Amino acid sequence: MLTPLAPGSVPPPGAPPRPWRLSGRLLLLDPDDRLLLVHCHDPVLPALGEWWEVPGGGVDPGEDTVSAALREVAEETGVVVPREAVLPGRWENEVTFLWLGNRHWARNVVHVARLATPAPVVPVQRTADELQCFLAITWVPRAELPGLRTFPGEIAALLPALLDGATLDGGFAVWS
């Protein structure tokens, strides 16, 4: 369950000091207006159930969040997105989440890209942890988003503003 807190809210006691791990993620729409999502579960914590996640991950030294998001999308899904497809709007949030039985803390910068034509696909390079957790990579029609449990949350509600170029502050959220 994702519990959002107001923008600027204070993390719970016991949170590690900031800055938390910086992560770049990409909300990617194809020419048919479908969003690329990773269907996930946590085999260590089955009570978490299943969810749909925006591809992305940690920013490596020397990378910006766009570069990290594009690299992670290619590694996790095989879809190669041209940098010029990334739109100006972005969504930032801080989140703590459980993954493979461990609590993680991240500052997410979620970018949006829209493909005018189908993107090239390369072989995936998933980590051992991703191989355990990823159930499927799926292009999900936007009309189906409101019924899905997503990470980060509120994708269906925020996507229209992001597509219009908005920059959004998602505050702090607890994913458990």
N, C-alpha and C. Protein backbone atom coordinates (compact mmCIF):
# COMPACT_ATOMS: atom_id res chain seq x y z
N MET A 1 0.84 -1.18 0.00
CA MET A 1 0.00 0.00 0.00
C MET A 1 0.88 1.23 0.00
N LEU A 2 0.51 2.24 -0.74
CA LEU A 2 1.25 3.49 -0.83
C LEU A 2 0.51 4.53 -0.03
N THR A 3 1.20 5.13 0.94
CA THR A 3 0.60 6.16 1.77
C THR A 3 1.28 7.48 1.45
N PRO A 4 0.64 8.36 0.68
CA PRO A 4 1.28 9.63 0.36
C PRO A 4 1.17 10.60 1.53
N LEU A 5 2.20 11.41 1.69
CA LEU A 5 2.19 12.48 2.66
C LEU A 5 2.31 13.79 1.89
N ALA A 6 1.93 14.87 2.51
CA ALA A 6 1.93 16.17 1.84
C ALA A 6 3.33 16.57 1.38
N PRO A 7 3.42 17.31 0.26
CA PRO A 7 4.72 17.83 -0.16
C PRO A 7 5.38 18.60 0.98
N GLY A 8 6.69 18.38 1.15
CA GLY A 8 7.43 19.04 2.21
C GLY A 8 7.28 18.38 3.56
N SER A 9 6.55 17.26 3.64
CA SER A 9 6.36 16.60 4.92
C SER A 9 7.65 15.96 5.40
N VAL A 10 7.69 15.66 6.67
CA VAL A 10 8.89 15.12 7.30
C VAL A 10 8.83 13.59 7.27
N PRO A 11 9.94 12.94 6.88
CA PRO A 11 9.98 11.48 6.89
C PRO A 11 9.81 10.94 8.32
N PRO A 12 9.43 9.68 8.44
CA PRO A 12 9.22 9.11 9.76
C PRO A 12 10.52 9.01 10.55
N PRO A 13 10.39 8.93 11.89
CA PRO A 13 11.60 8.74 12.71
C PRO A 13 12.31 7.46 12.27
N GLY A 14 13.64 7.48 12.30
CA GLY A 14 14.42 6.31 11.91
C GLY A 14 14.82 6.31 10.45
N ALA A 15 14.33 7.28 9.67
CA ALA A 15 14.73 7.35 8.26
C ALA A 15 16.21 7.71 8.19
N PRO A 16 16.94 7.13 7.23
CA PRO A 16 18.35 7.49 7.10
C PRO A 16 18.48 8.95 6.68
N PRO A 17 19.63 9.57 6.93
CA PRO A 17 19.78 10.97 6.54
C PRO A 17 19.70 11.13 5.03
N ARG A 18 19.19 12.28 4.61
CA ARG A 18 19.17 12.62 3.20
C ARG A 18 20.56 13.08 2.80
N PRO A 19 20.96 13.04 1.54
CA PRO A 19 20.14 12.66 0.39
C PRO A 19 19.99 11.15 0.26
N TRP A 20 18.81 10.74 -0.14
CA TRP A 20 18.54 9.34 -0.39
C TRP A 20 18.99 9.01 -1.80
N ARG A 21 19.00 7.73 -2.14
CA ARG A 21 19.46 7.32 -3.47
C ARG A 21 18.62 8.00 -4.55
N LEU A 22 19.29 8.64 -5.48
CA LEU A 22 18.62 9.30 -6.58
C LEU A 22 18.28 8.28 -7.65
N SER A 23 17.05 8.32 -8.14
CA SER A 23 16.56 7.36 -9.11
C SER A 23 15.89 8.10 -10.27
N GLY A 24 16.18 7.65 -11.49
CA GLY A 24 15.50 8.17 -12.67
C GLY A 24 14.52 7.13 -13.20
N ARG A 25 13.30 7.52 -13.43
CA ARG A 25 12.27 6.62 -13.96
C ARG A 25 11.65 7.25 -15.19
N LEU A 26 10.99 6.42 -16.01
CA LEU A 26 10.42 6.93 -17.26
C LEU A 26 9.02 6.40 -17.49
N LEU A 27 8.06 7.33 -17.53
CA LEU A 27 6.71 7.02 -17.98
C LEU A 27 6.77 7.10 -19.49
N LEU A 28 6.70 5.95 -20.14
CA LEU A 28 6.89 5.86 -21.59
C LEU A 28 5.60 5.46 -22.28
N LEU A 29 5.14 6.33 -23.18
CA LEU A 29 3.94 6.06 -23.97
C LEU A 29 4.34 5.71 -25.40
N ASP A 30 3.69 4.66 -25.93
CA ASP A 30 3.97 4.25 -27.31
C ASP A 30 3.03 4.98 -28.27
N PRO A 31 3.16 4.77 -29.59
CA PRO A 31 2.28 5.46 -30.55
C PRO A 31 0.79 5.13 -30.37
N ASP A 32 0.48 4.02 -29.70
CA ASP A 32 -0.91 3.65 -29.45
C ASP A 32 -1.42 4.15 -28.10
N ASP A 33 -0.67 5.07 -27.46
CA ASP A 33 -1.04 5.68 -26.19
C ASP A 33 -1.10 4.67 -25.04
N ARG A 34 -0.20 3.69 -25.09
CA ARG A 34 -0.08 2.71 -24.01
C ARG A 34 1.18 3.02 -23.21
N LEU A 35 1.12 2.75 -21.92
CA LEU A 35 2.23 3.02 -21.01
C LEU A 35 3.01 1.74 -20.74
N LEU A 36 4.33 1.82 -20.82
CA LEU A 36 5.19 0.68 -20.55
C LEU A 36 5.35 0.52 -19.04
N LEU A 37 4.91 -0.62 -18.51
CA LEU A 37 5.00 -0.90 -17.08
C LEU A 37 5.58 -2.28 -16.84
N VAL A 38 6.21 -2.43 -15.69
CA VAL A 38 6.76 -3.71 -15.26
C VAL A 38 5.82 -4.30 -14.21
N HIS A 39 5.31 -5.48 -14.47
CA HIS A 39 4.44 -6.18 -13.52
C HIS A 39 5.35 -6.89 -12.53
N CYS A 40 5.21 -6.58 -11.24
CA CYS A 40 6.15 -7.04 -10.22
C CYS A 40 5.47 -7.73 -9.05
N HIS A 41 6.30 -8.46 -8.31
CA HIS A 41 5.92 -9.01 -7.00
C HIS A 41 7.21 -9.15 -6.20
N ASP A 42 7.07 -9.36 -4.90
CA ASP A 42 8.23 -9.57 -4.03
C ASP A 42 8.16 -10.98 -3.49
N PRO A 43 9.01 -11.90 -3.99
CA PRO A 43 8.93 -13.29 -3.54
C PRO A 43 9.30 -13.47 -2.07
N VAL A 44 10.01 -12.51 -1.49
CA VAL A 44 10.37 -12.59 -0.07
C VAL A 44 9.20 -12.14 0.81
N LEU A 45 8.42 -11.19 0.31
CA LEU A 45 7.27 -10.65 1.05
C LEU A 45 6.00 -10.81 0.21
N PRO A 46 5.49 -12.03 0.07
CA PRO A 46 4.32 -12.25 -0.79
C PRO A 46 3.09 -11.46 -0.35
N ALA A 47 3.03 -11.05 0.92
CA ALA A 47 1.88 -10.28 1.39
C ALA A 47 1.78 -8.91 0.70
N LEU A 48 2.87 -8.45 0.10
CA LEU A 48 2.81 -7.19 -0.64
C LEU A 48 1.96 -7.30 -1.90
N GLY A 49 1.72 -8.51 -2.35
CA GLY A 49 0.92 -8.70 -3.55
C GLY A 49 1.69 -8.32 -4.80
N GLU A 50 0.95 -7.98 -5.84
CA GLU A 50 1.55 -7.60 -7.12
C GLU A 50 1.26 -6.13 -7.40
N TRP A 51 2.11 -5.53 -8.21
CA TRP A 51 1.93 -4.13 -8.59
C TRP A 51 2.55 -3.90 -9.95
N TRP A 52 2.29 -2.72 -10.50
CA TRP A 52 2.80 -2.30 -11.80
C TRP A 52 3.75 -1.13 -11.58
N GLU A 53 4.97 -1.27 -12.03
CA GLU A 53 6.02 -0.30 -11.71
C GLU A 53 6.51 0.42 -12.96
N VAL A 54 6.83 1.70 -12.79
CA VAL A 54 7.45 2.48 -13.85
C VAL A 54 8.91 2.05 -13.94
N PRO A 55 9.41 1.67 -15.13
CA PRO A 55 10.80 1.26 -15.22
C PRO A 55 11.75 2.39 -14.86
N GLY A 56 12.87 2.01 -14.28
CA GLY A 56 13.88 2.98 -13.90
C GLY A 56 14.71 2.46 -12.76
N GLY A 57 15.62 3.28 -12.29
CA GLY A 57 16.47 2.87 -11.19
C GLY A 57 17.51 3.91 -10.87
N GLY A 58 18.50 3.49 -10.08
CA GLY A 58 19.51 4.38 -9.55
C GLY A 58 20.34 5.09 -10.60
N VAL A 59 20.69 6.33 -10.27
CA VAL A 59 21.54 7.15 -11.12
C VAL A 59 22.99 6.79 -10.82
N ASP A 60 23.73 6.43 -11.86
CA ASP A 60 25.15 6.11 -11.74
C ASP A 60 25.98 7.39 -11.74
N PRO A 61 27.21 7.33 -11.21
CA PRO A 61 28.08 8.52 -11.24
C PRO A 61 28.23 9.05 -12.67
N GLY A 62 28.11 10.37 -12.80
CA GLY A 62 28.24 11.02 -14.10
C GLY A 62 26.95 11.07 -14.91
N GLU A 63 25.88 10.43 -14.43
CA GLU A 63 24.60 10.44 -15.15
C GLU A 63 23.68 11.51 -14.59
N ASP A 64 22.78 11.99 -15.44
CA ASP A 64 21.65 12.77 -14.95
C ASP A 64 20.45 11.83 -14.89
N THR A 65 19.33 12.30 -14.37
CA THR A 65 18.18 11.41 -14.20
C THR A 65 17.57 10.96 -15.52
N VAL A 66 17.65 11.78 -16.57
CA VAL A 66 17.14 11.36 -17.88
C VAL A 66 18.00 10.21 -18.41
N SER A 67 19.31 10.36 -18.36
CA SER A 67 20.21 9.31 -18.84
C SER A 67 20.00 8.02 -18.07
N ALA A 68 19.87 8.12 -16.76
CA ALA A 68 19.65 6.92 -15.94
C ALA A 68 18.33 6.25 -16.32
N ALA A 69 17.28 7.04 -16.50
CA ALA A 69 15.97 6.47 -16.86
C ALA A 69 16.04 5.77 -18.20
N LEU A 70 16.67 6.39 -19.19
CA LEU A 70 16.78 5.77 -20.51
C LEU A 70 17.61 4.49 -20.46
N ARG A 71 18.70 4.51 -19.71
CA ARG A 71 19.54 3.31 -19.57
C ARG A 71 18.77 2.20 -18.87
N GLU A 72 18.10 2.53 -17.78
CA GLU A 72 17.35 1.52 -17.02
C GLU A 72 16.20 0.93 -17.84
N VAL A 73 15.50 1.76 -18.62
CA VAL A 73 14.42 1.24 -19.47
C VAL A 73 14.98 0.23 -20.46
N ALA A 74 16.11 0.54 -21.07
CA ALA A 74 16.72 -0.40 -22.02
C ALA A 74 17.16 -1.68 -21.32
N GLU A 75 17.79 -1.55 -20.15
CA GLU A 75 18.27 -2.74 -19.44
C GLU A 75 17.12 -3.63 -18.97
N GLU A 76 16.07 -3.00 -18.42
CA GLU A 76 14.97 -3.76 -17.83
C GLU A 76 13.96 -4.28 -18.84
N THR A 77 13.70 -3.49 -19.89
CA THR A 77 12.62 -3.84 -20.82
C THR A 77 13.10 -4.13 -22.23
N GLY A 78 14.31 -3.69 -22.56
CA GLY A 78 14.83 -3.84 -23.91
C GLY A 78 14.45 -2.72 -24.84
N VAL A 79 13.56 -1.82 -24.42
CA VAL A 79 13.10 -0.73 -25.27
C VAL A 79 14.12 0.41 -25.24
N VAL A 80 14.59 0.81 -26.43
CA VAL A 80 15.57 1.88 -26.55
C VAL A 80 14.83 3.17 -26.92
N VAL A 81 14.87 4.12 -26.01
CA VAL A 81 14.13 5.37 -26.18
C VAL A 81 15.10 6.49 -26.55
N PRO A 82 14.85 7.19 -27.64
CA PRO A 82 15.72 8.32 -27.98
C PRO A 82 15.52 9.46 -26.98
N ARG A 83 16.62 10.09 -26.59
CA ARG A 83 16.56 11.17 -25.61
C ARG A 83 15.60 12.29 -26.04
N GLU A 84 15.54 12.54 -27.36
CA GLU A 84 14.66 13.62 -27.83
C GLU A 84 13.18 13.32 -27.64
N ALA A 85 12.83 12.08 -27.30
CA ALA A 85 11.43 11.73 -27.02
C ALA A 85 10.99 12.12 -25.61
N VAL A 86 11.95 12.47 -24.75
CA VAL A 86 11.64 12.84 -23.36
C VAL A 86 11.06 14.24 -23.34
N LEU A 87 9.89 14.37 -22.71
CA LEU A 87 9.18 15.65 -22.62
C LEU A 87 9.71 16.49 -21.45
N PRO A 88 9.42 17.79 -21.45
CA PRO A 88 9.99 18.65 -20.42
C PRO A 88 9.45 18.41 -19.00
N GLY A 89 8.21 17.99 -18.85
CA GLY A 89 7.65 17.81 -17.51
C GLY A 89 8.28 16.66 -16.75
N ARG A 90 8.23 16.76 -15.43
CA ARG A 90 8.73 15.66 -14.61
C ARG A 90 8.01 15.69 -13.27
N TRP A 91 8.11 14.56 -12.59
CA TRP A 91 7.43 14.36 -11.32
C TRP A 91 8.49 13.91 -10.33
N GLU A 92 8.64 14.63 -9.24
CA GLU A 92 9.63 14.28 -8.24
C GLU A 92 8.92 13.87 -6.96
N ASN A 93 9.47 12.84 -6.30
CA ASN A 93 8.94 12.44 -5.01
C ASN A 93 10.04 11.74 -4.22
N GLU A 94 9.81 11.63 -2.94
CA GLU A 94 10.66 10.82 -2.08
C GLU A 94 9.81 9.67 -1.61
N VAL A 95 10.43 8.50 -1.52
CA VAL A 95 9.66 7.31 -1.19
C VAL A 95 10.52 6.34 -0.40
N THR A 96 9.87 5.61 0.49
CA THR A 96 10.50 4.46 1.11
C THR A 96 9.64 3.26 0.73
N PHE A 97 10.31 2.15 0.43
CA PHE A 97 9.58 0.98 -0.04
C PHE A 97 10.30 -0.29 0.39
N LEU A 98 9.55 -1.37 0.43
CA LEU A 98 10.12 -2.68 0.70
C LEU A 98 10.37 -3.38 -0.62
N TRP A 99 11.54 -3.98 -0.75
CA TRP A 99 11.88 -4.75 -1.95
C TRP A 99 12.80 -5.87 -1.53
N LEU A 100 12.41 -7.09 -1.81
CA LEU A 100 13.14 -8.29 -1.42
C LEU A 100 13.44 -8.30 0.07
N GLY A 101 12.43 -7.88 0.84
CA GLY A 101 12.51 -7.94 2.30
C GLY A 101 13.29 -6.82 2.95
N ASN A 102 13.81 -5.88 2.17
CA ASN A 102 14.60 -4.78 2.72
C ASN A 102 13.93 -3.44 2.47
N ARG A 103 14.08 -2.52 3.41
CA ARG A 103 13.54 -1.17 3.26
C ARG A 103 14.56 -0.33 2.49
N HIS A 104 14.07 0.40 1.47
CA HIS A 104 14.91 1.28 0.66
C HIS A 104 14.33 2.70 0.73
N TRP A 105 15.19 3.68 0.51
CA TRP A 105 14.81 5.09 0.54
C TRP A 105 15.33 5.73 -0.74
N ALA A 106 14.45 6.43 -1.46
CA ALA A 106 14.87 6.99 -2.74
C ALA A 106 14.22 8.34 -3.00
N ARG A 107 14.92 9.13 -3.79
CA ARG A 107 14.35 10.34 -4.36
C ARG A 107 14.17 10.04 -5.84
N ASN A 108 12.92 9.93 -6.28
CA ASN A 108 12.59 9.61 -7.66
C ASN A 108 12.40 10.87 -8.48
N VAL A 109 12.97 10.87 -9.66
CA VAL A 109 12.67 11.88 -10.66
C VAL A 109 12.08 11.09 -11.83
N VAL A 110 10.78 11.29 -12.05
CA VAL A 110 10.06 10.53 -13.07
C VAL A 110 9.86 11.42 -14.29
N HIS A 111 10.44 11.01 -15.40
CA HIS A 111 10.32 11.74 -16.66
C HIS A 111 9.24 11.09 -17.51
N VAL A 112 8.79 11.81 -18.52
CA VAL A 112 7.76 11.32 -19.43
C VAL A 112 8.31 11.36 -20.85
N ALA A 113 8.05 10.30 -21.60
CA ALA A 113 8.45 10.26 -23.01
C ALA A 113 7.31 9.71 -23.83
N ARG A 114 7.21 10.20 -25.04
CA ARG A 114 6.19 9.72 -25.97
C ARG A 114 6.88 9.33 -27.26
N LEU A 115 6.65 8.10 -27.68
CA LEU A 115 7.23 7.60 -28.92
C LEU A 115 6.31 7.90 -30.10
N ALA A 116 6.88 8.46 -31.16
CA ALA A 116 6.10 8.71 -32.38
C ALA A 116 6.03 7.46 -33.24
N THR A 117 7.04 6.61 -33.13
CA THR A 117 7.09 5.34 -33.86
C THR A 117 7.56 4.27 -32.89
N PRO A 118 7.32 3.00 -33.19
CA PRO A 118 7.81 1.95 -32.28
C PRO A 118 9.32 2.06 -32.10
N ALA A 119 9.76 1.84 -30.86
CA ALA A 119 11.18 1.95 -30.53
C ALA A 119 11.90 0.64 -30.83
N PRO A 120 13.20 0.73 -31.11
CA PRO A 120 13.99 -0.49 -31.26
C PRO A 120 14.03 -1.24 -29.92
N VAL A 121 14.20 -2.55 -30.01
CA VAL A 121 14.27 -3.38 -28.81
C VAL A 121 15.60 -4.14 -28.85
N VAL A 122 16.30 -4.13 -27.71
CA VAL A 122 17.58 -4.83 -27.56
C VAL A 122 17.42 -5.89 -26.47
N PRO A 123 18.36 -6.83 -26.36
CA PRO A 123 18.28 -7.81 -25.28
C PRO A 123 18.31 -7.13 -23.90
N VAL A 124 17.54 -7.65 -22.97
CA VAL A 124 17.49 -7.07 -21.63
C VAL A 124 18.73 -7.48 -20.84
N GLN A 125 19.04 -6.68 -19.82
CA GLN A 125 20.18 -6.93 -18.95
C GLN A 125 19.73 -6.83 -17.50
N ARG A 126 18.78 -7.65 -17.12
CA ARG A 126 18.23 -7.58 -15.76
C ARG A 126 19.20 -8.12 -14.73
N THR A 127 19.12 -7.52 -13.53
CA THR A 127 19.91 -8.01 -12.40
C THR A 127 19.25 -9.28 -11.85
N ALA A 128 19.96 -9.98 -10.99
CA ALA A 128 19.40 -11.18 -10.36
C ALA A 128 18.15 -10.83 -9.56
N ASP A 129 18.16 -9.68 -8.88
CA ASP A 129 16.98 -9.26 -8.12
C ASP A 129 15.79 -8.99 -9.03
N GLU A 130 16.03 -8.33 -10.15
CA GLU A 130 14.95 -8.06 -11.10
C GLU A 130 14.38 -9.36 -11.67
N LEU A 131 15.24 -10.32 -11.94
CA LEU A 131 14.76 -11.61 -12.46
C LEU A 131 13.82 -12.29 -11.47
N GLN A 132 14.03 -12.10 -10.18
CA GLN A 132 13.15 -12.67 -9.16
C GLN A 132 11.81 -11.96 -9.07
N CYS A 133 11.82 -10.66 -9.32
CA CYS A 133 10.65 -9.83 -9.03
C CYS A 133 9.79 -9.49 -10.25
N PHE A 134 10.38 -9.44 -11.43
CA PHE A 134 9.63 -9.03 -12.61
C PHE A 134 8.80 -10.19 -13.14
N LEU A 135 7.50 -9.98 -13.24
CA LEU A 135 6.60 -11.00 -13.78
C LEU A 135 6.40 -10.82 -15.28
N ALA A 136 6.34 -9.57 -15.73
CA ALA A 136 6.12 -9.28 -17.15
C ALA A 136 6.42 -7.82 -17.42
N ILE A 137 6.73 -7.54 -18.68
CA ILE A 137 6.86 -6.17 -19.19
C ILE A 137 5.68 -5.99 -20.12
N THR A 138 4.85 -4.97 -19.87
CA THR A 138 3.60 -4.85 -20.59
C THR A 138 3.31 -3.41 -21.01
N TRP A 139 2.81 -3.25 -22.22
CA TRP A 139 2.27 -1.97 -22.66
C TRP A 139 0.81 -1.92 -22.21
N VAL A 140 0.49 -1.04 -21.28
CA VAL A 140 -0.83 -0.97 -20.66
C VAL A 140 -1.60 0.22 -21.25
N PRO A 141 -2.80 0.00 -21.81
CA PRO A 141 -3.61 1.12 -22.30
C PRO A 141 -3.91 2.11 -21.18
N ARG A 142 -3.84 3.40 -21.49
CA ARG A 142 -4.08 4.44 -20.46
C ARG A 142 -5.43 4.25 -19.78
N ALA A 143 -6.42 3.78 -20.51
CA ALA A 143 -7.76 3.60 -19.93
C ALA A 143 -7.76 2.58 -18.79
N GLU A 144 -6.77 1.67 -18.77
CA GLU A 144 -6.70 0.64 -17.73
C GLU A 144 -5.91 1.08 -16.49
N LEU A 145 -5.24 2.20 -16.55
CA LEU A 145 -4.40 2.65 -15.44
C LEU A 145 -5.15 2.87 -14.13
N PRO A 146 -6.36 3.47 -14.15
CA PRO A 146 -7.02 3.73 -12.88
C PRO A 146 -7.27 2.48 -12.02
N GLY A 147 -7.35 1.32 -12.59
CA GLY A 147 -7.61 0.10 -11.83
C GLY A 147 -6.37 -0.61 -11.33
N LEU A 148 -5.18 -0.08 -11.64
CA LEU A 148 -3.94 -0.77 -11.30
C LEU A 148 -3.29 -0.19 -10.05
N ARG A 149 -2.65 -1.06 -9.29
CA ARG A 149 -1.81 -0.64 -8.16
C ARG A 149 -0.43 -0.35 -8.74
N THR A 150 0.00 0.91 -8.68
CA THR A 150 1.23 1.31 -9.34
C THR A 150 2.27 1.86 -8.37
N PHE A 151 3.51 1.72 -8.80
CA PHE A 151 4.63 2.33 -8.09
C PHE A 151 5.42 3.13 -9.10
N PRO A 152 5.62 4.44 -8.86
CA PRO A 152 4.96 5.22 -7.83
C PRO A 152 3.45 5.28 -8.03
N GLY A 153 2.76 5.65 -6.99
CA GLY A 153 1.30 5.71 -7.04
C GLY A 153 0.80 6.93 -7.80
N GLU A 154 -0.49 6.96 -8.06
CA GLU A 154 -1.20 8.08 -8.67
C GLU A 154 -0.82 8.34 -10.14
N ILE A 155 -0.29 7.35 -10.82
CA ILE A 155 0.11 7.56 -12.21
C ILE A 155 -1.08 7.99 -13.06
N ALA A 156 -2.21 7.30 -12.92
CA ALA A 156 -3.37 7.62 -13.76
C ALA A 156 -3.82 9.07 -13.56
N ALA A 157 -3.81 9.54 -12.33
CA ALA A 157 -4.27 10.89 -12.04
C ALA A 157 -3.27 11.96 -12.49
N LEU A 158 -1.98 11.67 -12.40
CA LEU A 158 -0.96 12.69 -12.68
C LEU A 158 -0.51 12.73 -14.15
N LEU A 159 -0.71 11.65 -14.88
CA LEU A 159 -0.20 11.57 -16.25
C LEU A 159 -0.71 12.70 -17.15
N PRO A 160 -2.00 13.08 -17.12
CA PRO A 160 -2.42 14.17 -18.01
C PRO A 160 -1.65 15.47 -17.77
N ALA A 161 -1.42 15.84 -16.52
CA ALA A 161 -0.67 17.07 -16.24
C ALA A 161 0.78 16.94 -16.71
N LEU A 162 1.37 15.76 -16.50
CA LEU A 162 2.74 15.55 -16.94
C LEU A 162 2.86 15.65 -18.46
N LEU A 163 1.87 15.11 -19.17
CA LEU A 163 1.88 15.20 -20.64
C LEU A 163 1.72 16.64 -21.12
N ASP A 164 1.11 17.48 -20.28
CA ASP A 164 0.99 18.90 -20.61
C ASP A 164 2.23 19.70 -20.23
N GLY A 165 3.27 19.02 -19.69
CA GLY A 165 4.53 19.69 -19.37
C GLY A 165 4.68 20.14 -17.93
N ALA A 166 3.76 19.75 -17.06
CA ALA A 166 3.84 20.17 -15.66
C ALA A 166 5.02 19.52 -14.95
N THR A 167 5.54 20.22 -13.97
CA THR A 167 6.52 19.67 -13.04
C THR A 167 5.78 19.53 -11.72
N LEU A 168 5.75 18.29 -11.17
CA LEU A 168 4.94 18.01 -9.99
C LEU A 168 5.81 17.58 -8.81
N ASP A 169 5.40 18.00 -7.63
CA ASP A 169 6.06 17.58 -6.39
C ASP A 169 5.15 16.55 -5.74
N GLY A 170 5.60 15.29 -5.73
CA GLY A 170 4.82 14.22 -5.15
C GLY A 170 4.99 14.06 -3.65
N GLY A 171 5.81 14.91 -3.02
CA GLY A 171 6.00 14.82 -1.58
C GLY A 171 6.73 13.54 -1.20
N PHE A 172 6.35 13.00 -0.05
CA PHE A 172 6.96 11.80 0.50
C PHE A 172 5.89 10.73 0.60
N ALA A 173 6.25 9.48 0.25
CA ALA A 173 5.29 8.39 0.32
C ALA A 173 5.96 7.15 0.95
N VAL A 174 5.15 6.37 1.63
CA VAL A 174 5.59 5.12 2.21
C VAL A 174 4.93 4.00 1.43
N TRP A 175 5.74 3.13 0.83
CA TRP A 175 5.25 1.98 0.10
C TRP A 175 5.54 0.75 0.94
N SER A 176 4.49 0.04 1.34
CA SER A 176 4.72 -1.16 2.16
C SER A 176 3.72 -2.24 1.80
